[in-house]
PDB file of N, CA and C in Angstrom:
ATOM      1  N   UNK A   1      -8.126   5.143  10.335  1.00  0.00           N
ATOM      2  CA  UNK A   1      -8.268   4.639   9.707  1.00  0.00           C
ATOM      3  C   UNK A   1      -7.498   5.095   8.066  1.00  0.00           C
ATOM      4  N   UNK A   2      -7.113   3.768   6.981  1.00  0.00           N
ATOM      5  CA  UNK A   2      -6.595   4.176   6.643  1.00  0.00           C
ATOM      6  C   UNK A   2      -7.622   4.210   4.765  1.00  0.00           C
ATOM      7  N   UNK A   3      -7.502   4.718   3.536  1.00  0.00           N
ATOM      8  CA  UNK A   3      -8.349   4.930   2.967  1.00  0.00           C
ATOM      9  C   UNK A   3      -7.683   5.348   1.377  1.00  0.00           C
ATOM     10  N   UNK A   4      -7.560   4.147   0.489  1.00  0.00           N
ATOM     11  CA  UNK A   4      -6.950   4.585  -0.952  1.00  0.00           C
ATOM     12  C   UNK A   4      -7.498   6.068  -1.420  1.00  0.00           C
ATOM     13  N   UNK A   5      -6.808   6.354  -2.090  1.00  0.00           N
ATOM     14  CA  UNK A   5      -7.289   7.452  -2.929  1.00  0.00           C
ATOM     15  C   UNK A   5      -8.371   7.266  -4.240  1.00  0.00           C
ATOM     16  N   UNK A   6      -9.401   6.903  -4.388  1.00  0.00           N
ATOM     17  CA  UNK A   6     -10.243   7.502  -5.507  1.00  0.00           C
ATOM     18  C   UNK A   6      -9.269   6.856  -6.896  1.00  0.00           C
ATOM     19  N   UNK A   7      -9.134   8.564  -6.662  1.00  0.00           N
ATOM     20  CA  UNK A   7      -7.871   8.250  -8.210  1.00  0.00           C
ATOM     21  C   UNK A   7      -6.613   7.492  -8.540  1.00  0.00           C
ATOM     22  N   UNK A   8      -6.147   6.123  -7.378  1.00  0.00           N
ATOM     23  CA  UNK A   8      -5.067   6.087  -8.134  1.00  0.00           C
ATOM     24  C   UNK A   8      -5.171   4.044  -8.350  1.00  0.00           C
ATOM     25  N   UNK A   9      -5.240   3.879  -8.702  1.00  0.00           N
ATOM     26  CA  UNK A   9      -5.229   2.335  -9.328  1.00  0.00           C
ATOM     27  C   UNK A   9      -3.890   1.136  -9.730  1.00  0.00           C
ATOM     28  N   UNK A  10      -4.063   0.748  -8.836  1.00  0.00           N
ATOM     29  CA  UNK A  10      -3.252  -0.395  -9.598  1.00  0.00           C
ATOM     30  C   UNK A  10      -3.188  -1.453 -11.117  1.00  0.00           C
ATOM     31  N   UNK A  11      -1.262  -2.013 -11.360  1.00  0.00           N
ATOM     32  CA  UNK A  11      -2.018  -2.084 -12.648  1.00  0.00           C
ATOM     33  C   UNK A  11      -0.182  -3.085 -12.517  1.00  0.00           C
ATOM     34  N   UNK A  12      -0.708  -4.567 -12.782  1.00  0.00           N
ATOM     35  CA  UNK A  12       1.287  -5.407 -13.591  1.00  0.00           C
ATOM     36  C   UNK A  12       1.315  -5.321 -14.741  1.00  0.00           C
ATOM     37  N   UNK A  13       1.584  -4.795 -14.643  1.00  0.00           N
ATOM     38  CA  UNK A  13       2.841  -4.613 -16.028  1.00  0.00           C
ATOM     39  C   UNK A  13       4.109  -5.286 -16.815  1.00  0.00           C
ATOM     40  N   UNK A  14       4.341  -6.630 -17.211  1.00  0.00           N
ATOM     41  CA  UNK A  14       5.088  -7.384 -17.257  1.00  0.00           C
ATOM     42  C   UNK A  14       5.331  -7.926 -15.905  1.00  0.00           C
ATOM     43  N   UNK A  15       6.658  -8.664 -15.047  1.00  0.00           N
ATOM     44  CA  UNK A  15       6.238  -8.282 -14.482  1.00  0.00           C
ATOM     45  C   UNK A  15       6.762  -7.475 -12.857  1.00  0.00           C
ATOM     46  N   UNK A  16       6.380  -6.275 -13.541  1.00  0.00           N
ATOM     47  CA  UNK A  16       6.705  -5.401 -11.780  1.00  0.00           C
ATOM     48  C   UNK A  16       5.237  -4.802 -11.567  1.00  0.00           C
ATOM     49  N   UNK A  17       4.836  -4.579 -10.231  1.00  0.00           N
ATOM     50  CA  UNK A  17       3.277  -3.901 -10.258  1.00  0.00           C
ATOM     51  C   UNK A  17       3.339  -2.015 -10.201  1.00  0.00           C
ATOM     52  N   UNK A  18       2.334  -1.469 -10.414  1.00  0.00           N
ATOM     53  CA  UNK A  18       2.424  -0.101 -10.057  1.00  0.00           C
ATOM     54  C   UNK A  18       1.459   0.097  -9.591  1.00  0.00           C
ATOM     55  N   UNK A  19       1.435   1.702  -9.179  1.00  0.00           N
ATOM     56  CA  UNK A  19       0.525   2.513  -8.803  1.00  0.00           C
ATOM     57  C   UNK A  19       0.881   3.573  -9.588  1.00  0.00           C
ATOM     58  N   UNK A  20      -0.867   3.780  -9.916  1.00  0.00           N
ATOM     59  CA  UNK A  20      -1.038   4.877 -11.155  1.00  0.00           C
ATOM     60  C   UNK A  20      -2.017   6.200 -10.498  1.00  0.00           C
ATOM     61  N   UNK A  21      -1.190   7.338 -10.674  1.00  0.00           N
ATOM     62  CA  UNK A  21      -2.452   8.534 -10.563  1.00  0.00           C
ATOM     63  C   UNK A  21      -3.089   9.148 -11.935  1.00  0.00           C
ATOM     64  N   UNK A  22      -4.565   8.531 -11.674  1.00  0.00           N
ATOM     65  CA  UNK A  22      -5.551   8.533 -13.524  1.00  0.00           C
ATOM     66  C   UNK A  22      -5.969   9.982 -13.565  1.00  0.00           C
ATOM     67  N   UNK A  23      -5.133  10.804 -12.062  1.00  0.00           N
ATOM     68  CA  UNK A  23      -6.233  12.401 -11.939  1.00  0.00           C
ATOM     69  C   UNK A  23      -4.897  13.328 -12.646  1.00  0.00           C
ATOM     70  N   UNK A  24      -3.534  12.395 -12.881  1.00  0.00           N
ATOM     71  CA  UNK A  24      -2.958  13.982 -13.882  1.00  0.00           C
ATOM     72  C   UNK A  24      -2.876  14.133 -14.489  1.00  0.00           C
ATOM     73  N   UNK A  25      -2.129  15.795 -14.652  1.00  0.00           N
ATOM     74  CA  UNK A  25      -2.402  15.799 -16.484  1.00  0.00           C
ATOM     75  C   UNK A  25      -0.932  15.173 -17.351  1.00  0.00           C
ATOM     76  N   UNK A  26      -1.919  14.948 -17.899  1.00  0.00           N
ATOM     77  CA  UNK A  26      -0.297  12.584 -19.062  1.00  0.00           C
ATOM     78  C   UNK A  26      -0.056  15.056 -20.463  1.00  0.00           C
ATOM     79  N   UNK A  27       1.294  14.443 -20.143  1.00  0.00           N
ATOM     80  CA  UNK A  27       1.293  15.607 -21.032  1.00  0.00           C
ATOM     81  C   UNK A  27       2.791  14.662 -22.432  1.00  0.00           C
ATOM     82  N   UNK A  28       1.718  15.115 -23.233  1.00  0.00           N
ATOM     83  CA  UNK A  28       2.365  14.617 -24.573  1.00  0.00           C
ATOM     84  C   UNK A  28       2.128  12.970 -24.221  1.00  0.00           C
ATOM     85  N   UNK A  29       1.234  12.268 -24.112  1.00  0.00           N
ATOM     86  CA  UNK A  29       0.654  11.134 -23.203  1.00  0.00           C
ATOM     87  C   UNK A  29       1.198   9.732 -22.551  1.00  0.00           C
ATOM     88  N   UNK A  30       1.955  11.102 -21.547  1.00  0.00           N
ATOM     89  CA  UNK A  30       2.773  10.589 -20.380  1.00  0.00           C
ATOM     90  C   UNK A  30       2.735  10.271 -19.440  1.00  0.00           C
ATOM     91  N   UNK A  31       3.115   9.378 -18.565  1.00  0.00           N
ATOM     92  CA  UNK A  31       2.774   9.126 -16.967  1.00  0.00           C
ATOM     93  C   UNK A  31       3.601   8.769 -15.560  1.00  0.00           C
ATOM     94  N   UNK A  32       2.975   8.749 -14.948  1.00  0.00           N
ATOM     95  CA  UNK A  32       4.527   8.188 -14.346  1.00  0.00           C
ATOM     96  C   UNK A  32       3.458   6.731 -13.558  1.00  0.00           C
ATOM     97  N   UNK A  33       4.084   6.002 -13.274  1.00  0.00           N
ATOM     98  CA  UNK A  33       4.198   4.993 -13.170  1.00  0.00           C
ATOM     99  C   UNK A  33       5.288   5.016 -11.503  1.00  0.00           C
ATOM    100  N   UNK A  34       4.469   4.411 -10.390  1.00  0.00           N
ATOM    101  CA  UNK A  34       4.837   4.054  -9.029  1.00  0.00           C
ATOM    102  C   UNK A  34       5.556   2.564  -8.497  1.00  0.00           C
ATOM    103  N   UNK A  35       6.339   2.026  -9.175  1.00  0.00           N
ATOM    104  CA  UNK A  35       7.088   0.516  -8.691  1.00  0.00           C
ATOM    105  C   UNK A  35       6.546   0.882  -7.372  1.00  0.00           C
ATOM    106  N   UNK A  36       5.939  -0.452  -7.377  1.00  0.00           N
ATOM    107  CA  UNK A  36       5.813  -1.074  -5.750  1.00  0.00           C
ATOM    108  C   UNK A  36       5.987  -3.109  -5.496  1.00  0.00           C
ATOM    109  N   UNK A  37       6.890  -3.707  -4.728  1.00  0.00           N
ATOM    110  CA  UNK A  37       6.984  -4.741  -4.999  1.00  0.00           C
ATOM    111  C   UNK A  37       5.908  -5.204  -4.168  1.00  0.00           C
ATOM    112  N   UNK A  38       5.736  -6.318  -4.301  1.00  0.00           N
ATOM    113  CA  UNK A  38       4.920  -8.132  -3.756  1.00  0.00           C
ATOM    114  C   UNK A  38       4.288  -7.604  -1.723  1.00  0.00           C
ATOM    115  N   UNK A  39       5.313  -7.352  -1.777  1.00  0.00           N
ATOM    116  CA  UNK A  39       4.470  -7.036  -0.190  1.00  0.00           C
ATOM    117  C   UNK A  39       3.829  -5.714   0.079  1.00  0.00           C
ATOM    118  N   UNK A  40       4.861  -5.215  -0.692  1.00  0.00           N
ATOM    119  CA  UNK A  40       3.697  -3.521  -0.306  1.00  0.00           C
ATOM    120  C   UNK A  40       2.191  -3.386  -1.590  1.00  0.00           C
ATOM    121  N   UNK A  41       2.045  -4.330  -2.394  1.00  0.00           N
ATOM    122  CA  UNK A  41       0.723  -4.959  -3.016  1.00  0.00           C
ATOM    123  C   UNK A  41      -0.051  -5.529  -2.299  1.00  0.00           C
ATOM    124  N   UNK A  42       0.151  -6.120  -2.071  1.00  0.00           N
ATOM    125  CA  UNK A  42       0.128  -7.055  -1.201  1.00  0.00           C
ATOM    126  C   UNK A  42      -1.152  -6.042   0.367  1.00  0.00           C
ATOM    127  N   UNK A  43       0.048  -4.956   0.601  1.00  0.00           N
ATOM    128  CA  UNK A  43      -1.163  -4.069   2.341  1.00  0.00           C
ATOM    129  C   UNK A  43      -1.678  -3.297   1.508  1.00  0.00           C
ATOM    130  N   UNK A  44      -1.106  -2.688  -0.052  1.00  0.00           N
ATOM    131  CA  UNK A  44      -2.551  -1.826  -0.473  1.00  0.00           C
ATOM    132  C   UNK A  44      -4.037  -2.239  -0.799  1.00  0.00           C
ATOM    133  N   UNK A  45      -3.977  -3.558  -1.636  1.00  0.00           N
ATOM    134  CA  UNK A  45      -4.902  -4.963  -1.437  1.00  0.00           C
ATOM    135  C   UNK A  45      -5.226  -4.829   0.025  1.00  0.00           C
ATOM    136  N   UNK A  46      -5.189  -4.797   0.900  1.00  0.00           N
ATOM    137  CA  UNK A  46      -6.060  -4.910   2.398  1.00  0.00           C
ATOM    138  C   UNK A  46      -6.459  -3.409   2.406  1.00  0.00           C
ATOM    139  N   UNK A  47      -5.841  -2.242   2.092  1.00  0.00           N
ATOM    140  CA  UNK A  47      -6.449  -1.260   2.562  1.00  0.00           C
ATOM    141  C   UNK A  47      -7.659  -1.014   2.297  1.00  0.00           C
ATOM    142  N   UNK A  48      -8.701  -1.006   3.082  1.00  0.00           N
ATOM    143  CA  UNK A  48     -10.033  -0.611   2.917  1.00  0.00           C
ATOM    144  C   UNK A  48     -11.474  -0.121   3.352  1.00  0.00           C
ATOM    145  N   UNK A  49     -10.284   0.652   4.768  1.00  0.00           N
ATOM    146  CA  UNK A  49     -11.627   2.117   5.042  1.00  0.00           C
ATOM    147  C   UNK A  49     -11.252   2.164   6.132  1.00  0.00           C
ATOM    148  N   UNK A  50     -11.642   0.108   6.319  1.00  0.00           N
ATOM    149  CA  UNK A  50     -12.490  -0.709   7.919  1.00  0.00           C
ATOM    150  C   UNK A  50     -10.539  -1.196   8.191  1.00  0.00           C
ATOM    151  N   UNK A  51     -10.102  -1.176   7.710  1.00  0.00           N
ATOM    152  CA  UNK A  51      -9.245  -2.653   8.404  1.00  0.00           C
ATOM    153  C   UNK A  51      -8.272  -1.763   8.602  1.00  0.00           C
ATOM    154  N   UNK A  52      -7.117  -2.344  10.483  1.00  0.00           N
ATOM    155  CA  UNK A  52      -6.626  -1.289  10.802  1.00  0.00           C
ATOM    156  C   UNK A  52      -4.732  -2.114  10.598  1.00  0.00           C
ATOM    157  N   UNK A  53      -4.473  -1.689  11.094  1.00  0.00           N
ATOM    158  CA  UNK A  53      -2.859  -2.096  11.034  1.00  0.00           C
ATOM    159  C   UNK A  53      -2.457  -3.398  11.154  1.00  0.00           C
ATOM    160  N   UNK A  54      -2.562  -3.900  12.886  1.00  0.00           N
ATOM    161  CA  UNK A  54      -2.965  -4.376  12.939  1.00  0.00           C
ATOM    162  C   UNK A  54      -3.431  -5.561  12.803  1.00  0.00           C
ATOM    163  N   UNK A  55      -4.152  -5.809  12.079  1.00  0.00           N
ATOM    164  CA  UNK A  55      -5.592  -6.380  11.202  1.00  0.00           C
ATOM    165  C   UNK A  55      -4.973  -6.914   9.961  1.00  0.00           C
ATOM    166  N   UNK A  56      -3.911  -5.768   9.555  1.00  0.00           N
ATOM    167  CA  UNK A  56      -3.426  -6.203   8.279  1.00  0.00           C
ATOM    168  C   UNK A  56      -2.108  -7.007   8.743  1.00  0.00           C
ATOM    169  N   UNK A  57      -1.361  -6.460   9.753  1.00  0.00           N
ATOM    170  CA  UNK A  57       0.152  -7.585   9.998  1.00  0.00           C
ATOM    171  C   UNK A  57      -0.917  -9.022   9.853  1.00  0.00           C
ATOM    172  N   UNK A  58      -1.935  -8.897  11.573  1.00  0.00           N
ATOM    173  CA  UNK A  58      -2.452 -10.456  11.344  1.00  0.00           C
ATOM    174  C   UNK A  58      -2.726 -11.811  10.234  1.00  0.00           C
ATOM    175  N   UNK A  59      -2.774 -10.148   8.574  1.00  0.00           N
ATOM    176  CA  UNK A  59      -3.238 -11.456   7.838  1.00  0.00           C
ATOM    177  C   UNK A  59      -2.337 -11.857   7.017  1.00  0.00           C
ATOM    178  N   UNK A  60      -1.482 -10.594   7.041  1.00  0.00           N
ATOM    179  CA  UNK A  60       0.757 -11.333   7.039  1.00  0.00           C
ATOM    180  C   UNK A  60       0.309 -12.530   7.356  1.00  0.00           C
ATOM    181  N   UNK A  61       0.666 -12.615   8.664  1.00  0.00           N
ATOM    182  CA  UNK A  61       0.867 -14.016   8.997  1.00  0.00           C
ATOM    183  C   UNK A  61       0.083 -14.965   8.381  1.00  0.00           C
ATOM    184  N   UNK A  62      -1.066 -14.990   8.916  1.00  0.00           N
ATOM    185  CA  UNK A  62      -1.868 -15.559   8.318  1.00  0.00           C
ATOM    186  C   UNK A  62      -1.652 -16.371   6.740  1.00  0.00           C
ATOM    187  N   UNK A  63      -1.580 -15.358   5.970  1.00  0.00           N
ATOM    188  CA  UNK A  63      -1.340 -16.003   4.325  1.00  0.00           C
ATOM    189  C   UNK A  63      -0.568 -15.895   4.252  1.00  0.00           C
ATOM    190  N   UNK A  64       1.019 -15.769   4.510  1.00  0.00           N
ATOM    191  CA  UNK A  64       2.061 -16.009   4.154  1.00  0.00           C
ATOM    192  C   UNK A  64       3.244 -17.064   5.509  1.00  0.00           C
ATOM    193  N   UNK A  65       4.568 -17.491   4.577  1.00  0.00           N
ATOM    194  CA  UNK A  65       4.801 -18.515   6.066  1.00  0.00           C
ATOM    195  C   UNK A  65       5.965 -17.460   6.286  1.00  0.00           C
ATOM    196  N   UNK A  66       5.752 -16.679   7.732  1.00  0.00           N
ATOM    197  CA  UNK A  66       7.045 -15.975   7.976  1.00  0.00           C
ATOM    198  C   UNK A  66       7.364 -16.607   8.949  1.00  0.00           C
ATOM    199  N   UNK A  67       8.371 -16.711   9.965  1.00  0.00           N
ATOM    200  CA  UNK A  67       9.558 -17.169  10.591  1.00  0.00           C
ATOM    201  C   UNK A  67      10.499 -16.228  10.914  1.00  0.00           C
ATOM    202  N   UNK A  68      11.053 -17.147  12.501  1.00  0.00           N
ATOM    203  CA  UNK A  68      11.490 -15.862  13.024  1.00  0.00           C
ATOM    204  C   UNK A  68      11.724 -14.543  12.390  1.00  0.00           C
ATOM    205  N   UNK A  69      10.006 -13.558  11.881  1.00  0.00           N
ATOM    206  CA  UNK A  69      10.331 -12.712  12.425  1.00  0.00           C
ATOM    207  C   UNK A  69       8.780 -11.547  13.626  1.00  0.00           C
ATOM    208  N   UNK A  70       9.091 -11.182  14.708  1.00  0.00           N
ATOM    209  CA  UNK A  70       8.325 -10.373  15.249  1.00  0.00           C
ATOM    210  C   UNK A  70       6.881  -9.980  14.792  1.00  0.00           C
ATOM    211  N   UNK A  71       5.726 -10.147  15.469  1.00  0.00           N
ATOM    212  CA  UNK A  71       5.011  -9.133  15.306  1.00  0.00           C
ATOM    213  C   UNK A  71       4.960  -7.459  14.746  1.00  0.00           C
ATOM    214  N   UNK A  72       6.100  -6.583  15.551  1.00  0.00           N
ATOM    215  CA  UNK A  72       6.888  -5.590  16.269  1.00  0.00           C
ATOM    216  C   UNK A  72       7.397  -5.225  14.778  1.00  0.00           C
ATOM    217  N   UNK A  73       8.174  -6.564  14.520  1.00  0.00           N
ATOM    218  CA  UNK A  73       8.681  -6.015  13.304  1.00  0.00           C
ATOM    219  C   UNK A  73       8.237  -6.125  11.979  1.00  0.00           C
ATOM    220  N   UNK A  74       7.156  -6.826  11.908  1.00  0.00           N
ATOM    221  CA  UNK A  74       6.463  -7.099  10.349  1.00  0.00           C
ATOM    222  C   UNK A  74       5.830  -5.605  11.057  1.00  0.00           C
ATOM    223  N   UNK A  75       4.762  -5.311  12.100  1.00  0.00           N
ATOM    224  CA  UNK A  75       3.821  -3.831  12.128  1.00  0.00           C
ATOM    225  C   UNK A  75       4.714  -2.553  11.948  1.00  0.00           C
ATOM    226  N   UNK A  76       6.580  -2.537  12.113  1.00  0.00           N
ATOM    227  CA  UNK A  76       7.583  -1.778  11.473  1.00  0.00           C
ATOM    228  C   UNK A  76       7.289  -1.582  10.051  1.00  0.00           C
ATOM    229  N   UNK A  77       7.383  -2.923   9.477  1.00  0.00           N
ATOM    230  CA  UNK A  77       7.058  -3.173   8.199  1.00  0.00           C
ATOM    231  C   UNK A  77       5.522  -2.102   7.536  1.00  0.00           C
ATOM    232  N   UNK A  78       5.209  -2.415   8.602  1.00  0.00           N
ATOM    233  CA  UNK A  78       3.351  -2.618   7.373  1.00  0.00           C
ATOM    234  C   UNK A  78       3.613  -0.812   7.560  1.00  0.00           C
ATOM    235  N   UNK A  79       4.312  -0.089   8.155  1.00  0.00           N
ATOM    236  CA  UNK A  79       3.702   1.090   9.312  1.00  0.00           C
ATOM    237  C   UNK A  79       4.815   1.775   7.945  1.00  0.00           C
ATOM    238  N   UNK A  80       5.938   1.476   8.057  1.00  0.00           N
ATOM    239  CA  UNK A  80       6.606   2.227   7.266  1.00  0.00           C
ATOM    240  C   UNK A  80       6.422   2.030   5.633  1.00  0.00           C
ATOM    241  N   UNK A  81       5.936   1.448   5.581  1.00  0.00           N
ATOM    242  CA  UNK A  81       5.018   1.118   3.603  1.00  0.00           C
ATOM    243  C   UNK A  81       3.450   2.346   3.721  1.00  0.00           C
ATOM    244  N   UNK A  82       2.726   1.328   4.034  1.00  0.00           N
ATOM    245  CA  UNK A  82       1.949   2.725   4.221  1.00  0.00           C
ATOM    246  C   UNK A  82       2.114   5.036   4.797  1.00  0.00           C
ATOM    247  N   UNK A  83       2.899   4.258   5.797  1.00  0.00           N
ATOM    248  CA  UNK A  83       3.711   6.010   5.974  1.00  0.00           C
ATOM    249  C   UNK A  83       4.449   6.366   4.791  1.00  0.00           C
ATOM    250  N   UNK A  84       4.950   5.447   3.520  1.00  0.00           N
ATOM    251  CA  UNK A  84       5.880   5.421   2.356  1.00  0.00           C
ATOM    252  C   UNK A  84       4.251   6.762   1.981  1.00  0.00           C
ATOM    253  N   UNK A  85       3.238   5.257   0.875  1.00  0.00           N
ATOM    254  CA  UNK A  85       2.717   5.435   0.417  1.00  0.00           C
ATOM    255  C   UNK A  85       1.590   6.992   0.101  1.00  0.00           C
ATOM    256  N   UNK A  86       1.292   7.035   1.749  1.00  0.00           N
ATOM    257  CA  UNK A  86       0.540   8.593   2.217  1.00  0.00           C
ATOM    258  C   UNK A  86       1.539   9.654   2.393  1.00  0.00           C
ATOM    259  N   UNK A  87       2.745   9.533   1.804  1.00  0.00           N
ATOM    260  CA  UNK A  87       3.908  10.384   1.908  1.00  0.00           C
ATOM    261  C   UNK A  87       3.464  10.792  -0.137  1.00  0.00           C
ATOM    262  N   UNK A  88       3.716   9.965  -0.504  1.00  0.00           N
ATOM    263  CA  UNK A  88       3.229   9.952  -1.895  1.00  0.00           C
ATOM    264  C   UNK A  88       2.251  10.744  -2.181  1.00  0.00           C
ATOM    265  N   UNK A  89       1.523  10.134  -1.635  1.00  0.00           N
ATOM    266  CA  UNK A  89      -0.488  11.039  -1.985  1.00  0.00           C
ATOM    267  C   UNK A  89      -1.155   9.431  -2.402  1.00  0.00           C
ATOM    268  N   UNK A  90      -1.129   8.696  -1.437  1.00  0.00           N
ATOM    269  CA  UNK A  90      -2.133   7.358  -2.847  1.00  0.00           C
ATOM    270  C   UNK A  90      -3.092   7.400  -1.075  1.00  0.00           C
ATOM    271  N   UNK A  91      -2.649   7.166  -0.350  1.00  0.00           N
ATOM    272  CA  UNK A  91      -3.228   7.342   0.926  1.00  0.00           C
ATOM    273  C   UNK A  91      -3.891   8.694   1.486  1.00  0.00           C
ATOM    274  N   UNK A  92      -5.024   8.168   2.118  1.00  0.00           N
ATOM    275  CA  UNK A  92      -5.177   9.631   3.181  1.00  0.00           C
ATOM    276  C   UNK A  92      -5.152   8.939   4.605  1.00  0.00           C
ATOM    277  N   UNK A  93      -4.214   9.242   5.383  1.00  0.00           N
ATOM    278  CA  UNK A  93      -4.354   8.712   7.065  1.00  0.00           C
ATOM    279  C   UNK A  93      -5.002   9.408   7.795  1.00  0.00           C
ATOM    280  N   UNK A  94      -6.326   9.010   8.158  1.00  0.00           N
ATOM    281  CA  UNK A  94      -7.550   9.858   9.318  1.00  0.00           C
ATOM    282  C   UNK A  94      -6.251  10.118  10.953  1.00  0.00           C
ATOM    283  N   UNK A  95      -6.719  10.978  11.783  1.00  0.00           N
ATOM    284  CA  UNK A  95      -6.608  11.032  13.254  1.00  0.00           C
ATOM    285  C   UNK A  95      -5.085  10.524  12.797  1.00  0.00           C
ATOM    286  N   UNK A  96      -3.999  10.215  12.342  1.00  0.00           N
ATOM    287  CA  UNK A  96      -2.315  10.041  12.041  1.00  0.00           C
ATOM    288  C   UNK A  96      -2.498   8.374  13.251  1.00  0.00           C
ATOM    289  N   UNK A  97      -3.690   7.921  13.125  1.00  0.00           N
ATOM    290  CA  UNK A  97      -3.720   6.837  13.669  1.00  0.00           C
ATOM    291  C   UNK A  97      -4.488   5.584  13.326  1.00  0.00           C
ATOM    292  N   UNK A  98      -3.825   4.367  13.126  1.00  0.00           N
ATOM    293  CA  UNK A  98      -4.610   2.764  11.785  1.00  0.00           C
ATOM    294  C   UNK A  98      -4.704   1.723  12.852  1.00  0.00           C
TER     295      UNK A  98
END
């Protein structure tokens, strides 16, 4: 399963969406913002510690009008996004399984 790190917050600033690490030591009142797109934000907001990748993919198909894309293609994209978020330190993925 996947868990968001408790000190990561999502914020929309103007028309962009960012993930922010609130534990960073800010130098001269500056912080790093990690910009994500709307789909990554959607995936981020589905992660609750108990929802699997397959459940997120199913929810994407329920909430969005997706045509001509297979479940496996969407699952690969969701896996890629989760891997990237975990690699950047925003998520913890337990047991390497989703």
